[in-house]
Amino acid sequence: CMFVIHNIGYQGKYRLSKFPIDSYLGLPPDAIDFMQGEDLNLGDDCMNLMSAAILASDRVLTVSPNYAAEIQSPEGGQGLHEILQEKGHHQRMAGILNGIADEWNPKTDPHIPTNYSLRNFDEGKALCKKELQRSLGLHEDPGAALIGFCGRLCYQKGVHLITQIIPWLLAYESSGVLGRVQVILMGKGEDSYANQLSNAENHNKGRVCGYVGFDPKIEHRMLAGCDFLMMPSQYEPCGLPQMYAQAYGTVPVVHETGGLKDSVSGLWDEHRDRETATGFLFCGFDENHLKERMYQALEVFHKKHDLFRQIQMNGLRKNYYWPQAIDEYERHLDWTLDSDAAVS
């Protein structure tokens, strides 16, 4: 048996008294050895389905190598780190980065104004940017750094960090790095964050688009037309938009966590990382660390055009499509079938 964890925050905790494991689940009484959980609110009257699955599985996988390491720590394991460490100790724990579907390909995408590849990248990207600005009510400025965010409106996605730094991003200053910036925020979720998006647009017409809701066609057009994609997530088991972005030559700016760390190669040193960097990573889930990395990204965009284009090309040459991940899953299936059972 192989169990795959997507997000350890959703463990499936229920009251044992309300859902008895024998009469409700049809399991023998000794199944409590696997099902027993603990919770601050439920106390010992708690079953934990994820904990049971981990204990009963021959191998546990999750959706990125770095997230597999994070959830084995007290900080990231949310109470399950010890049993995950035990799996890891016996080499029955691993992370496999998710793949992306082949619909995310600028060469064939039917939702973007024009298709493009390495051969006609500059022309295609510029047209997609122009049409995105026009369709969402932004000033048609090819030299503005166009930053996008697309995701659930909640604390975990770092939406508050983005809305907090918008005035700073839009304020013109003498260095020429800040000010010539536009921001598109699209998502749905908590009302407080939705209001922040609307307020940001209302106070910055032509420079900010706050799209409350979700339209998959606009998501495709954002990935094709934006210069940057911002993902300041508090934690991110895998994440997919940062991989979509690289496929379209859009540069991700991400928090160094989970699958974001596995799938974005940072520009830490401009000479050393020039041939490998695909984006910018910041450490520390707060406004100042995001500002620091965003300033670096904008400086490269506005003042080091050759370097910015190199980062775009590095991303375009990456391959995050599903066949690679499928091969890795098949290897783990083979290893699991060839190994002794974890539970007899």
C-alpha atoms as a PDB file:
ATOM      1  CA  CYS A   1       0.000   0.000   0.000  1.00  0.00           C
ATOM      2  CA  MET A   2       1.315   3.450  -0.972  1.00  0.00           C
ATOM      3  CA  PHE A   3      -0.158   6.650   0.493  1.00  0.00           C
ATOM      4  CA  VAL A   4       0.342  10.111  -1.057  1.00  0.00           C
ATOM      5  CA  ILE A   5       0.047  13.232   1.107  1.00  0.00           C
ATOM      6  CA  HIS A   6      -0.934  16.434  -0.656  1.00  0.00           C
ATOM      7  CA  ASN A   7      -1.352  18.778   2.314  1.00  0.00           C
ATOM      8  CA  ILE A   8      -0.646  17.643   5.861  1.00  0.00           C
ATOM      9  CA  GLY A   9      -2.905  20.382   7.196  1.00  0.00           C
ATOM     10  CA  TYR A  10      -5.971  18.332   6.218  1.00  0.00           C
ATOM     11  CA  GLN A  11      -5.688  15.166   8.297  1.00  0.00           C
ATOM     12  CA  GLY A  12      -9.275  13.932   8.542  1.00  0.00           C
ATOM     13  CA  LYS A  13      -9.910  14.225  12.264  1.00  0.00           C
ATOM     14  CA  TYR A  14     -13.321  13.116  13.619  1.00  0.00           C
ATOM     15  CA  ARG A  15     -14.884  12.281  16.974  1.00  0.00           C
ATOM     16  CA  LEU A  16     -14.622   8.583  17.782  1.00  0.00           C
ATOM     17  CA  SER A  17     -17.808   8.832  19.828  1.00  0.00           C
ATOM     18  CA  LYS A  18     -19.730  10.132  16.812  1.00  0.00           C
ATOM     19  CA  PHE A  19     -18.163   7.782  14.256  1.00  0.00           C
ATOM     20  CA  PRO A  20     -17.330   4.488  16.057  1.00  0.00           C
ATOM     21  CA  ILE A  21     -14.735   2.508  14.131  1.00  0.00           C
ATOM     22  CA  ASP A  22     -16.704  -0.752  14.477  1.00  0.00           C
ATOM     23  CA  SER A  23     -20.329   0.179  13.810  1.00  0.00           C
ATOM     24  CA  TYR A  24     -19.638   3.158  11.532  1.00  0.00           C
ATOM     25  CA  LEU A  25     -16.504   2.126   9.670  1.00  0.00           C
ATOM     26  CA  GLY A  26     -16.896  -1.655   9.938  1.00  0.00           C
ATOM     27  CA  LEU A  27     -13.394  -2.140  11.325  1.00  0.00           C
ATOM     28  CA  PRO A  28     -12.339  -4.523  14.121  1.00  0.00           C
ATOM     29  CA  PRO A  29     -11.776  -3.046  17.595  1.00  0.00           C
ATOM     30  CA  ASP A  30      -7.990  -3.428  17.374  1.00  0.00           C
ATOM     31  CA  ALA A  31      -8.002  -0.955  14.469  1.00  0.00           C
ATOM     32  CA  ILE A  32      -7.928   1.710  17.162  1.00  0.00           C
ATOM     33  CA  ASP A  33      -4.154   1.156  17.268  1.00  0.00           C
ATOM     34  CA  PHE A  34      -4.018   2.851  13.865  1.00  0.00           C
ATOM     35  CA  MET A  35      -7.009   5.184  14.103  1.00  0.00           C
ATOM     36  CA  GLN A  36      -6.393   6.852  17.454  1.00  0.00           C
ATOM     37  CA  GLY A  37      -5.513  10.506  17.111  1.00  0.00           C
ATOM     38  CA  GLU A  38      -5.207  13.540  19.318  1.00  0.00           C
ATOM     39  CA  ASP A  39      -6.416  17.076  18.972  1.00  0.00           C
ATOM     40  CA  LEU A  40      -6.503  20.217  21.097  1.00  0.00           C
ATOM     41  CA  ASN A  41     -10.274  20.456  20.690  1.00  0.00           C
ATOM     42  CA  LEU A  42     -11.257  16.780  20.514  1.00  0.00           C
ATOM     43  CA  GLY A  43      -8.740  15.444  23.025  1.00  0.00           C
ATOM     44  CA  ASP A  44      -8.541  11.639  22.981  1.00  0.00           C
ATOM     45  CA  ASP A  45     -12.017  11.394  21.424  1.00  0.00           C
ATOM     46  CA  CYS A  46     -10.345  11.650  18.062  1.00  0.00           C
ATOM     47  CA  MET A  47      -9.663   9.472  15.072  1.00  0.00           C
ATOM     48  CA  ASN A  48      -7.051  10.620  12.582  1.00  0.00           C
ATOM     49  CA  LEU A  49      -7.453   9.121   9.124  1.00  0.00           C
ATOM     50  CA  MET A  50      -4.177  10.484   7.785  1.00  0.00           C
ATOM     51  CA  SER A  51      -2.228   9.129  10.750  1.00  0.00           C
ATOM     52  CA  ALA A  52      -3.849   5.721  10.208  1.00  0.00           C
ATOM     53  CA  ALA A  53      -2.949   5.760   6.514  1.00  0.00           C
ATOM     54  CA  ILE A  54       0.681   6.633   7.276  1.00  0.00           C
ATOM     55  CA  LEU A  55       1.000   3.860   9.860  1.00  0.00           C
ATOM     56  CA  ALA A  56      -0.619   1.248   7.617  1.00  0.00           C
ATOM     57  CA  SER A  57       1.216   2.164   4.394  1.00  0.00           C
ATOM     58  CA  ASP A  58       4.292   0.438   3.043  1.00  0.00           C
ATOM     59  CA  ARG A  59       5.481   3.711   1.521  1.00  0.00           C
ATOM     60  CA  VAL A  60       4.475   7.349   2.007  1.00  0.00           C
ATOM     61  CA  LEU A  61       4.961   9.888  -0.760  1.00  0.00           C
ATOM     62  CA  THR A  62       4.228  13.577  -0.988  1.00  0.00           C
ATOM     63  CA  VAL A  63       4.182  16.144  -3.754  1.00  0.00           C
ATOM     64  CA  SER A  64       7.717  17.562  -3.605  1.00  0.00           C
ATOM     65  CA  PRO A  65      11.061  16.503  -2.139  1.00  0.00           C
ATOM     66  CA  ASN A  66      11.395  19.594   0.045  1.00  0.00           C
ATOM     67  CA  TYR A  67       7.875  19.199   1.447  1.00  0.00           C
ATOM     68  CA  ALA A  68       8.749  15.594   2.341  1.00  0.00           C
ATOM     69  CA  ALA A  69      11.599  16.969   4.470  1.00  0.00           C
ATOM     70  CA  GLU A  70       9.493  19.769   5.962  1.00  0.00           C
ATOM     71  CA  ILE A  71       6.709  17.495   7.223  1.00  0.00           C
ATOM     72  CA  GLN A  72       9.229  15.340   9.075  1.00  0.00           C
ATOM     73  CA  SER A  73      10.058  18.343  11.270  1.00  0.00           C
ATOM     74  CA  PRO A  74       8.119  19.431  14.377  1.00  0.00           C
ATOM     75  CA  GLU A  75       7.396  22.766  12.675  1.00  0.00           C
ATOM     76  CA  GLY A  76       5.994  21.269   9.487  1.00  0.00           C
ATOM     77  CA  GLY A  77       4.598  17.906  10.564  1.00  0.00           C
ATOM     78  CA  GLN A  78       1.557  19.245  12.427  1.00  0.00           C
ATOM     79  CA  GLY A  79       1.727  16.482  15.016  1.00  0.00           C
ATOM     80  CA  LEU A  80       2.632  13.665  12.619  1.00  0.00           C
ATOM     81  CA  HIS A  81       6.357  14.329  12.290  1.00  0.00           C
ATOM     82  CA  GLU A  82       7.421  11.428  14.509  1.00  0.00           C
ATOM     83  CA  ILE A  83       5.633   8.707  12.528  1.00  0.00           C
ATOM     84  CA  LEU A  84       6.837  10.315   9.292  1.00  0.00           C
ATOM     85  CA  GLN A  85      10.397  10.377  10.620  1.00  0.00           C
ATOM     86  CA  GLU A  86      10.024   6.669  11.339  1.00  0.00           C
ATOM     87  CA  LYS A  87       8.972   6.044   7.740  1.00  0.00           C
ATOM     88  CA  GLY A  88      11.902   8.112   6.541  1.00  0.00           C
ATOM     89  CA  HIS A  89      14.321   6.225   8.797  1.00  0.00           C
ATOM     90  CA  HIS A  90      13.286   2.989   7.084  1.00  0.00           C
ATOM     91  CA  GLN A  91      13.519   4.613   3.616  1.00  0.00           C
ATOM     92  CA  ARG A  92       9.762   4.419   3.135  1.00  0.00           C
ATOM     93  CA  MET A  93       9.225   8.162   2.702  1.00  0.00           C
ATOM     94  CA  ALA A  94       9.894  10.388  -0.325  1.00  0.00           C
ATOM     95  CA  GLY A  95       8.665  13.399  -2.260  1.00  0.00           C
ATOM     96  CA  ILE A  96       7.959  13.566  -5.993  1.00  0.00           C
ATOM     97  CA  LEU A  97       7.381  16.957  -7.592  1.00  0.00           C
ATOM     98  CA  ASN A  98       3.988  17.127  -9.289  1.00  0.00           C
ATOM     99  CA  GLY A  99       3.883  17.518 -13.044  1.00  0.00           C
ATOM    100  CA  ILE A 100       1.899  19.979 -15.143  1.00  0.00           C
ATOM    101  CA  ALA A 101      -0.552  19.143 -17.915  1.00  0.00           C
ATOM    102  CA  ASP A 102       0.460  19.744 -21.513  1.00  0.00           C
ATOM    103  CA  GLU A 103      -2.326  22.315 -21.910  1.00  0.00           C
ATOM    104  CA  TRP A 104       0.160  24.734 -20.324  1.00  0.00           C
ATOM    105  CA  ASN A 105       2.253  25.289 -23.422  1.00  0.00           C
ATOM    106  CA  PRO A 106       2.602  28.684 -25.147  1.00  0.00           C
ATOM    107  CA  LYS A 107       3.227  26.927 -28.463  1.00  0.00           C
ATOM    108  CA  THR A 108      -0.289  25.445 -28.531  1.00  0.00           C
ATOM    109  CA  ASP A 109      -2.361  27.275 -25.884  1.00  0.00           C
ATOM    110  CA  PRO A 110      -5.707  28.259 -27.503  1.00  0.00           C
ATOM    111  CA  HIS A 111      -6.526  30.815 -24.778  1.00  0.00           C
ATOM    112  CA  ILE A 112      -3.717  33.306 -25.436  1.00  0.00           C
ATOM    113  CA  PRO A 113      -3.691  36.028 -28.126  1.00  0.00           C
ATOM    114  CA  THR A 114      -0.791  34.464 -30.026  1.00  0.00           C
ATOM    115  CA  ASN A 115       1.278  31.344 -29.641  1.00  0.00           C
ATOM    116  CA  TYR A 116       5.009  31.608 -29.208  1.00  0.00           C
ATOM    117  CA  SER A 117       8.156  29.579 -28.599  1.00  0.00           C
ATOM    118  CA  LEU A 118      11.867  30.236 -28.243  1.00  0.00           C
ATOM    119  CA  ARG A 119      11.946  31.190 -31.910  1.00  0.00           C
ATOM    120  CA  ASN A 120       9.479  34.114 -31.681  1.00  0.00           C
ATOM    121  CA  PHE A 121       9.478  34.661 -27.920  1.00  0.00           C
ATOM    122  CA  ASP A 122      10.007  38.438 -27.829  1.00  0.00           C
ATOM    123  CA  GLU A 123       7.249  39.245 -30.305  1.00  0.00           C
ATOM    124  CA  GLY A 124       4.774  36.741 -28.907  1.00  0.00           C
ATOM    125  CA  LYS A 125       5.311  37.693 -25.275  1.00  0.00           C
ATOM    126  CA  ALA A 126       5.007  41.414 -26.064  1.00  0.00           C
ATOM    127  CA  LEU A 127       1.702  40.929 -27.870  1.00  0.00           C
ATOM    128  CA  CYS A 128       0.297  38.795 -25.049  1.00  0.00           C
ATOM    129  CA  LYS A 129       1.298  41.493 -22.553  1.00  0.00           C
ATOM    130  CA  LYS A 130      -0.289  44.271 -24.590  1.00  0.00           C
ATOM    131  CA  GLU A 131      -3.575  42.393 -24.973  1.00  0.00           C
ATOM    132  CA  LEU A 132      -3.632  41.479 -21.278  1.00  0.00           C
ATOM    133  CA  GLN A 133      -3.167  45.116 -20.274  1.00  0.00           C
ATOM    134  CA  ARG A 134      -5.855  46.271 -22.690  1.00  0.00           C
ATOM    135  CA  SER A 135      -8.423  43.631 -21.707  1.00  0.00           C
ATOM    136  CA  LEU A 136      -8.047  44.220 -17.951  1.00  0.00           C
ATOM    137  CA  GLY A 137      -8.098  48.013 -18.065  1.00  0.00           C
ATOM    138  CA  LEU A 138      -4.402  48.658 -17.459  1.00  0.00           C
ATOM    139  CA  HIS A 139      -2.341  51.286 -19.246  1.00  0.00           C
ATOM    140  CA  GLU A 140      -0.748  49.786 -22.356  1.00  0.00           C
ATOM    141  CA  ASP A 141       2.862  50.301 -21.333  1.00  0.00           C
ATOM    142  CA  PRO A 142       5.325  47.714 -22.704  1.00  0.00           C
ATOM    143  CA  GLY A 143       8.047  48.955 -20.346  1.00  0.00           C
ATOM    144  CA  ALA A 144       6.045  48.534 -17.146  1.00  0.00           C
ATOM    145  CA  ALA A 145       6.892  45.506 -15.045  1.00  0.00           C
ATOM    146  CA  LEU A 146       3.642  43.517 -15.040  1.00  0.00           C
ATOM    147  CA  ILE A 147       3.280  41.399 -11.880  1.00  0.00           C
ATOM    148  CA  GLY A 148       0.580  38.763 -11.518  1.00  0.00           C
ATOM    149  CA  PHE A 149      -0.920  36.708  -8.709  1.00  0.00           C
ATOM    150  CA  CYS A 150      -3.509  33.988  -9.197  1.00  0.00           C
ATOM    151  CA  GLY A 151      -4.655  31.896  -6.258  1.00  0.00           C
ATOM    152  CA  ARG A 152      -6.941  31.406  -3.283  1.00  0.00           C
ATOM    153  CA  LEU A 153      -7.498  34.559  -1.250  1.00  0.00           C
ATOM    154  CA  CYS A 154      -6.306  33.477   2.178  1.00  0.00           C
ATOM    155  CA  TYR A 155      -3.498  34.068   4.648  1.00  0.00           C
ATOM    156  CA  GLN A 156      -1.578  30.939   3.613  1.00  0.00           C
ATOM    157  CA  LYS A 157      -1.166  32.266   0.063  1.00  0.00           C
ATOM    158  CA  GLY A 158       0.422  35.487   1.346  1.00  0.00           C
ATOM    159  CA  VAL A 159      -2.181  37.760  -0.229  1.00  0.00           C
ATOM    160  CA  HIS A 160      -1.786  40.234   2.629  1.00  0.00           C
ATOM    161  CA  LEU A 161       1.925  40.574   1.845  1.00  0.00           C
ATOM    162  CA  ILE A 162       1.155  41.543  -1.744  1.00  0.00           C
ATOM    163  CA  THR A 163      -1.537  44.088  -0.886  1.00  0.00           C
ATOM    164  CA  GLN A 164       0.717  45.612   1.795  1.00  0.00           C
ATOM    165  CA  ILE A 165       3.537  46.282  -0.657  1.00  0.00           C
ATOM    166  CA  ILE A 166       1.438  47.616  -3.561  1.00  0.00           C
ATOM    167  CA  PRO A 167       1.875  51.302  -2.531  1.00  0.00           C
ATOM    168  CA  TRP A 168       5.631  50.711  -2.270  1.00  0.00           C
ATOM    169  CA  LEU A 169       5.741  49.016  -5.695  1.00  0.00           C
ATOM    170  CA  LEU A 170       3.836  51.853  -7.368  1.00  0.00           C
ATOM    171  CA  ALA A 171       5.726  54.755  -5.785  1.00  0.00           C
ATOM    172  CA  TYR A 172       8.149  56.350  -8.250  1.00  0.00           C
ATOM    173  CA  GLU A 173      11.648  56.935  -6.890  1.00  0.00           C
ATOM    174  CA  SER A 174      14.902  58.258  -8.304  1.00  0.00           C
ATOM    175  CA  SER A 175      16.548  54.885  -8.958  1.00  0.00           C
ATOM    176  CA  GLY A 176      14.000  54.015 -11.633  1.00  0.00           C
ATOM    177  CA  VAL A 177      13.373  50.567 -10.124  1.00  0.00           C
ATOM    178  CA  LEU A 178      10.002  51.161  -8.488  1.00  0.00           C
ATOM    179  CA  GLY A 179       6.997  53.024  -9.869  1.00  0.00           C
ATOM    180  CA  ARG A 180       6.791  51.719 -13.421  1.00  0.00           C
ATOM    181  CA  VAL A 181       4.929  48.669 -12.191  1.00  0.00           C
ATOM    182  CA  GLN A 182       1.482  47.166 -12.769  1.00  0.00           C
ATOM    183  CA  VAL A 183      -0.207  44.464 -10.701  1.00  0.00           C
ATOM    184  CA  ILE A 184      -2.920  41.922 -11.545  1.00  0.00           C
ATOM    185  CA  LEU A 185      -4.454  39.993  -8.657  1.00  0.00           C
ATOM    186  CA  MET A 186      -7.002  37.276  -9.419  1.00  0.00           C
ATOM    187  CA  GLY A 187      -8.618  34.915  -6.953  1.00  0.00           C
ATOM    188  CA  LYS A 188     -11.552  34.131  -4.740  1.00  0.00           C
ATOM    189  CA  GLY A 189     -11.756  33.263  -1.070  1.00  0.00           C
ATOM    190  CA  GLU A 190     -12.091  35.248   2.135  1.00  0.00           C
ATOM    191  CA  ASP A 191     -14.109  38.465   1.930  1.00  0.00           C
ATOM    192  CA  SER A 192     -11.487  40.548   3.727  1.00  0.00           C
ATOM    193  CA  TYR A 193      -8.903  39.785   1.049  1.00  0.00           C
ATOM    194  CA  ALA A 194     -11.435  40.246  -1.750  1.00  0.00           C
ATOM    195  CA  ASN A 195     -12.091  43.743  -0.378  1.00  0.00           C
ATOM    196  CA  GLN A 196      -8.353  44.430  -0.360  1.00  0.00           C
ATOM    197  CA  LEU A 197      -8.177  43.535  -4.062  1.00  0.00           C
ATOM    198  CA  SER A 198     -11.102  45.814  -4.915  1.00  0.00           C
ATOM    199  CA  ASN A 199      -9.652  48.690  -2.892  1.00  0.00           C
ATOM    200  CA  ALA A 200      -6.249  48.287  -4.521  1.00  0.00           C
ATOM    201  CA  GLU A 201      -7.827  48.580  -7.967  1.00  0.00           C
ATOM    202  CA  ASN A 202     -10.131  51.466  -7.039  1.00  0.00           C
ATOM    203  CA  HIS A 203      -7.216  53.520  -5.703  1.00  0.00           C
ATOM    204  CA  ASN A 204      -4.889  52.715  -8.620  1.00  0.00           C
ATOM    205  CA  LYS A 205      -6.971  52.685 -11.795  1.00  0.00           C
ATOM    206  CA  GLY A 206      -4.959  51.692 -14.840  1.00  0.00           C
ATOM    207  CA  ARG A 207      -2.134  50.314 -12.685  1.00  0.00           C
ATOM    208  CA  VAL A 208      -3.811  47.596 -10.601  1.00  0.00           C
ATOM    209  CA  CYS A 209      -6.444  45.038 -11.567  1.00  0.00           C
ATOM    210  CA  GLY A 210      -8.156  43.281  -8.655  1.00  0.00           C
ATOM    211  CA  TYR A 211     -10.171  40.452 -10.229  1.00  0.00           C
ATOM    212  CA  VAL A 212     -12.324  38.850  -7.513  1.00  0.00           C
ATOM    213  CA  GLY A 213     -13.279  35.459  -8.924  1.00  0.00           C
ATOM    214  CA  PHE A 214     -11.567  32.962 -11.152  1.00  0.00           C
ATOM    215  CA  ASP A 215     -11.510  32.546 -14.920  1.00  0.00           C
ATOM    216  CA  PRO A 216      -9.207  29.807 -16.278  1.00  0.00           C
ATOM    217  CA  LYS A 217      -8.866  31.602 -19.610  1.00  0.00           C
ATOM    218  CA  ILE A 218      -7.614  34.741 -17.868  1.00  0.00           C
ATOM    219  CA  GLU A 219      -5.180  32.608 -15.868  1.00  0.00           C
ATOM    220  CA  HIS A 220      -3.679  31.345 -19.144  1.00  0.00           C
ATOM    221  CA  ARG A 221      -3.493  34.904 -20.486  1.00  0.00           C
ATOM    222  CA  MET A 222      -1.841  36.113 -17.275  1.00  0.00           C
ATOM    223  CA  LEU A 223       0.835  33.430 -17.495  1.00  0.00           C
ATOM    224  CA  ALA A 224       1.524  34.436 -21.090  1.00  0.00           C
ATOM    225  CA  GLY A 225       1.370  38.213 -20.597  1.00  0.00           C
ATOM    226  CA  CYS A 226       2.874  38.921 -17.191  1.00  0.00           C
ATOM    227  CA  ASP A 227       6.570  39.556 -16.627  1.00  0.00           C
ATOM    228  CA  PHE A 228       6.485  38.187 -13.077  1.00  0.00           C
ATOM    229  CA  LEU A 229       4.313  35.796 -11.108  1.00  0.00           C
ATOM    230  CA  MET A 230       4.282  36.373  -7.364  1.00  0.00           C
ATOM    231  CA  MET A 231       3.738  33.403  -4.996  1.00  0.00           C
ATOM    232  CA  PRO A 232       4.549  34.470  -1.417  1.00  0.00           C
ATOM    233  CA  SER A 233       2.866  31.417   0.155  1.00  0.00           C
ATOM    234  CA  GLN A 234       3.415  30.701   3.836  1.00  0.00           C
ATOM    235  CA  TYR A 235       3.752  27.031   2.882  1.00  0.00           C
ATOM    236  CA  GLU A 236       3.171  25.266  -0.423  1.00  0.00           C
ATOM    237  CA  PRO A 237       3.293  21.459  -0.643  1.00  0.00           C
ATOM    238  CA  CYS A 238       3.975  21.640  -4.379  1.00  0.00           C
ATOM    239  CA  GLY A 239       2.399  24.532  -6.226  1.00  0.00           C
ATOM    240  CA  LEU A 240       1.756  24.523  -9.967  1.00  0.00           C
ATOM    241  CA  PRO A 241       1.548  28.162 -11.156  1.00  0.00           C
ATOM    242  CA  GLN A 242       5.295  28.690 -10.675  1.00  0.00           C
ATOM    243  CA  MET A 243       5.875  25.823 -13.125  1.00  0.00           C
ATOM    244  CA  TYR A 244       3.270  27.148 -15.566  1.00  0.00           C
ATOM    245  CA  ALA A 245       5.003  30.535 -15.381  1.00  0.00           C
ATOM    246  CA  GLN A 246       8.397  29.188 -16.377  1.00  0.00           C
ATOM    247  CA  ALA A 247       6.866  27.372 -19.352  1.00  0.00           C
ATOM    248  CA  TYR A 248       5.625  30.772 -20.598  1.00  0.00           C
ATOM    249  CA  GLY A 249       8.795  32.741 -19.859  1.00  0.00           C
ATOM    250  CA  THR A 250       7.178  34.490 -16.885  1.00  0.00           C
ATOM    251  CA  VAL A 251       9.564  34.856 -13.957  1.00  0.00           C
ATOM    252  CA  PRO A 252       8.330  33.576 -10.559  1.00  0.00           C
ATOM    253  CA  VAL A 253       9.029  35.413  -7.307  1.00  0.00           C
ATOM    254  CA  VAL A 254       8.318  32.908  -4.539  1.00  0.00           C
ATOM    255  CA  HIS A 255       8.735  32.154  -0.852  1.00  0.00           C
ATOM    256  CA  GLU A 256      11.420  29.525  -0.322  1.00  0.00           C
ATOM    257  CA  THR A 257       9.160  26.721   0.924  1.00  0.00           C
ATOM    258  CA  GLY A 258       7.872  23.306  -0.138  1.00  0.00           C
ATOM    259  CA  GLY A 259       7.670  22.661  -3.850  1.00  0.00           C
ATOM    260  CA  LEU A 260       8.413  26.305  -4.641  1.00  0.00           C
ATOM    261  CA  LYS A 261      11.962  25.717  -3.449  1.00  0.00           C
ATOM    262  CA  ASP A 262      12.221  22.550  -5.559  1.00  0.00           C
ATOM    263  CA  SER A 263      10.932  24.076  -8.787  1.00  0.00           C
ATOM    264  CA  VAL A 264      12.382  27.608  -8.874  1.00  0.00           C
ATOM    265  CA  SER A 265      16.139  28.129  -9.167  1.00  0.00           C
ATOM    266  CA  GLY A 266      17.048  31.451  -7.587  1.00  0.00           C
ATOM    267  CA  LEU A 267      19.325  34.245  -8.726  1.00  0.00           C
ATOM    268  CA  TRP A 268      21.432  34.459  -5.592  1.00  0.00           C
ATOM    269  CA  ASP A 269      24.624  35.452  -7.412  1.00  0.00           C
ATOM    270  CA  GLU A 270      24.314  37.134 -10.811  1.00  0.00           C
ATOM    271  CA  HIS A 271      27.496  35.606 -12.221  1.00  0.00           C
ATOM    272  CA  ARG A 272      27.277  32.110 -10.730  1.00  0.00           C
ATOM    273  CA  ASP A 273      23.536  31.621 -11.303  1.00  0.00           C
ATOM    274  CA  ARG A 274      23.127  33.353 -14.650  1.00  0.00           C
ATOM    275  CA  GLU A 275      22.801  30.100 -16.635  1.00  0.00           C
ATOM    276  CA  THR A 276      20.546  28.322 -14.123  1.00  0.00           C
ATOM    277  CA  ALA A 277      18.284  30.882 -12.426  1.00  0.00           C
ATOM    278  CA  THR A 278      14.587  30.723 -13.334  1.00  0.00           C
ATOM    279  CA  GLY A 279      13.263  33.141 -10.706  1.00  0.00           C
ATOM    280  CA  PHE A 280      13.701  34.820  -7.337  1.00  0.00           C
ATOM    281  CA  LEU A 281      13.192  33.257  -3.892  1.00  0.00           C
ATOM    282  CA  PHE A 282      12.860  35.010  -0.541  1.00  0.00           C
ATOM    283  CA  CYS A 283      13.296  33.538   2.942  1.00  0.00           C
ATOM    284  CA  GLY A 284      11.040  34.712   5.759  1.00  0.00           C
ATOM    285  CA  PHE A 285       7.277  35.056   5.485  1.00  0.00           C
ATOM    286  CA  ASP A 286       7.044  38.804   5.955  1.00  0.00           C
ATOM    287  CA  GLU A 287       6.707  42.044   4.033  1.00  0.00           C
ATOM    288  CA  ASN A 288      10.343  43.171   4.276  1.00  0.00           C
ATOM    289  CA  HIS A 289      11.825  39.940   2.912  1.00  0.00           C
ATOM    290  CA  LEU A 290       9.373  40.032   0.008  1.00  0.00           C
ATOM    291  CA  LYS A 291      10.266  43.678  -0.676  1.00  0.00           C
ATOM    292  CA  GLU A 292      13.975  42.862  -0.702  1.00  0.00           C
ATOM    293  CA  ARG A 293      13.621  40.150  -3.318  1.00  0.00           C
ATOM    294  CA  MET A 294      11.016  42.054  -5.350  1.00  0.00           C
ATOM    295  CA  TYR A 295      13.358  45.036  -5.545  1.00  0.00           C
ATOM    296  CA  GLN A 296      16.109  42.796  -6.892  1.00  0.00           C
ATOM    297  CA  ALA A 297      13.720  41.332  -9.467  1.00  0.00           C
ATOM    298  CA  LEU A 298      12.541  44.762 -10.633  1.00  0.00           C
ATOM    299  CA  GLU A 299      16.085  46.065 -10.827  1.00  0.00           C
ATOM    300  CA  VAL A 300      17.012  43.184 -13.122  1.00  0.00           C
ATOM    301  CA  PHE A 301      13.885  43.803 -15.232  1.00  0.00           C
ATOM    302  CA  HIS A 302      14.413  47.541 -15.667  1.00  0.00           C
ATOM    303  CA  LYS A 303      18.216  47.812 -15.763  1.00  0.00           C
ATOM    304  CA  LYS A 304      19.690  44.431 -16.752  1.00  0.00           C
ATOM    305  CA  HIS A 305      17.655  43.407 -19.760  1.00  0.00           C
ATOM    306  CA  ASP A 306      20.047  40.718 -20.983  1.00  0.00           C
ATOM    307  CA  LEU A 307      20.063  39.039 -17.583  1.00  0.00           C
ATOM    308  CA  PHE A 308      16.265  39.178 -17.315  1.00  0.00           C
ATOM    309  CA  ARG A 309      15.909  37.606 -20.752  1.00  0.00           C
ATOM    310  CA  GLN A 310      18.397  34.890 -19.778  1.00  0.00           C
ATOM    311  CA  ILE A 311      16.251  34.035 -16.737  1.00  0.00           C
ATOM    312  CA  GLN A 312      13.196  33.821 -18.997  1.00  0.00           C
ATOM    313  CA  MET A 313      15.048  31.512 -21.404  1.00  0.00           C
ATOM    314  CA  ASN A 314      16.215  29.297 -18.535  1.00  0.00           C
ATOM    315  CA  GLY A 315      12.597  28.858 -17.468  1.00  0.00           C
ATOM    316  CA  LEU A 316      11.379  28.144 -20.984  1.00  0.00           C
ATOM    317  CA  ARG A 317      13.885  25.298 -21.296  1.00  0.00           C
ATOM    318  CA  LYS A 318      12.675  23.602 -18.107  1.00  0.00           C
ATOM    319  CA  ASN A 319      10.496  20.505 -18.373  1.00  0.00           C
ATOM    320  CA  TYR A 320       7.923  20.113 -15.599  1.00  0.00           C
ATOM    321  CA  TYR A 321       5.415  18.057 -17.577  1.00  0.00           C
ATOM    322  CA  TRP A 322       3.862  14.876 -16.122  1.00  0.00           C
ATOM    323  CA  PRO A 323       5.890  12.098 -17.857  1.00  0.00           C
ATOM    324  CA  GLN A 324       8.925  12.785 -15.639  1.00  0.00           C
ATOM    325  CA  ALA A 325       6.823  12.527 -12.463  1.00  0.00           C
ATOM    326  CA  ILE A 326       5.070   9.395 -13.744  1.00  0.00           C
ATOM    327  CA  ASP A 327       8.435   7.673 -14.236  1.00  0.00           C
ATOM    328  CA  GLU A 328       9.344   8.498 -10.639  1.00  0.00           C
ATOM    329  CA  TYR A 329       6.039   7.124  -9.316  1.00  0.00           C
ATOM    330  CA  GLU A 330       6.608   3.912 -11.255  1.00  0.00           C
ATOM    331  CA  ARG A 331      10.020   3.492  -9.640  1.00  0.00           C
ATOM    332  CA  HIS A 332       8.498   3.849  -6.179  1.00  0.00           C
ATOM    333  CA  LEU A 333       5.753   1.387  -7.042  1.00  0.00           C
ATOM    334  CA  ASP A 334       8.383  -1.140  -8.099  1.00  0.00           C
ATOM    335  CA  TRP A 335      10.395  -0.586  -4.913  1.00  0.00           C
ATOM    336  CA  THR A 336       7.271  -0.974  -2.785  1.00  0.00           C
ATOM    337  CA  LEU A 337       6.249  -4.217  -4.494  1.00  0.00           C
ATOM    338  CA  ASP A 338       9.756  -5.619  -4.089  1.00  0.00           C
ATOM    339  CA  SER A 339      10.046  -4.669  -0.397  1.00  0.00           C
ATOM    340  CA  ASP A 340       8.701  -6.419   2.679  1.00  0.00           C
ATOM    341  CA  ALA A 341       5.355  -5.202   3.964  1.00  0.00           C
ATOM    342  CA  ALA A 342       5.592  -2.479   6.610  1.00  0.00           C
ATOM    343  CA  VAL A 343       2.701  -4.005   8.566  1.00  0.00           C
ATOM    344  CA  SER A 344       2.121  -7.761   8.769  1.00  0.00           C
END
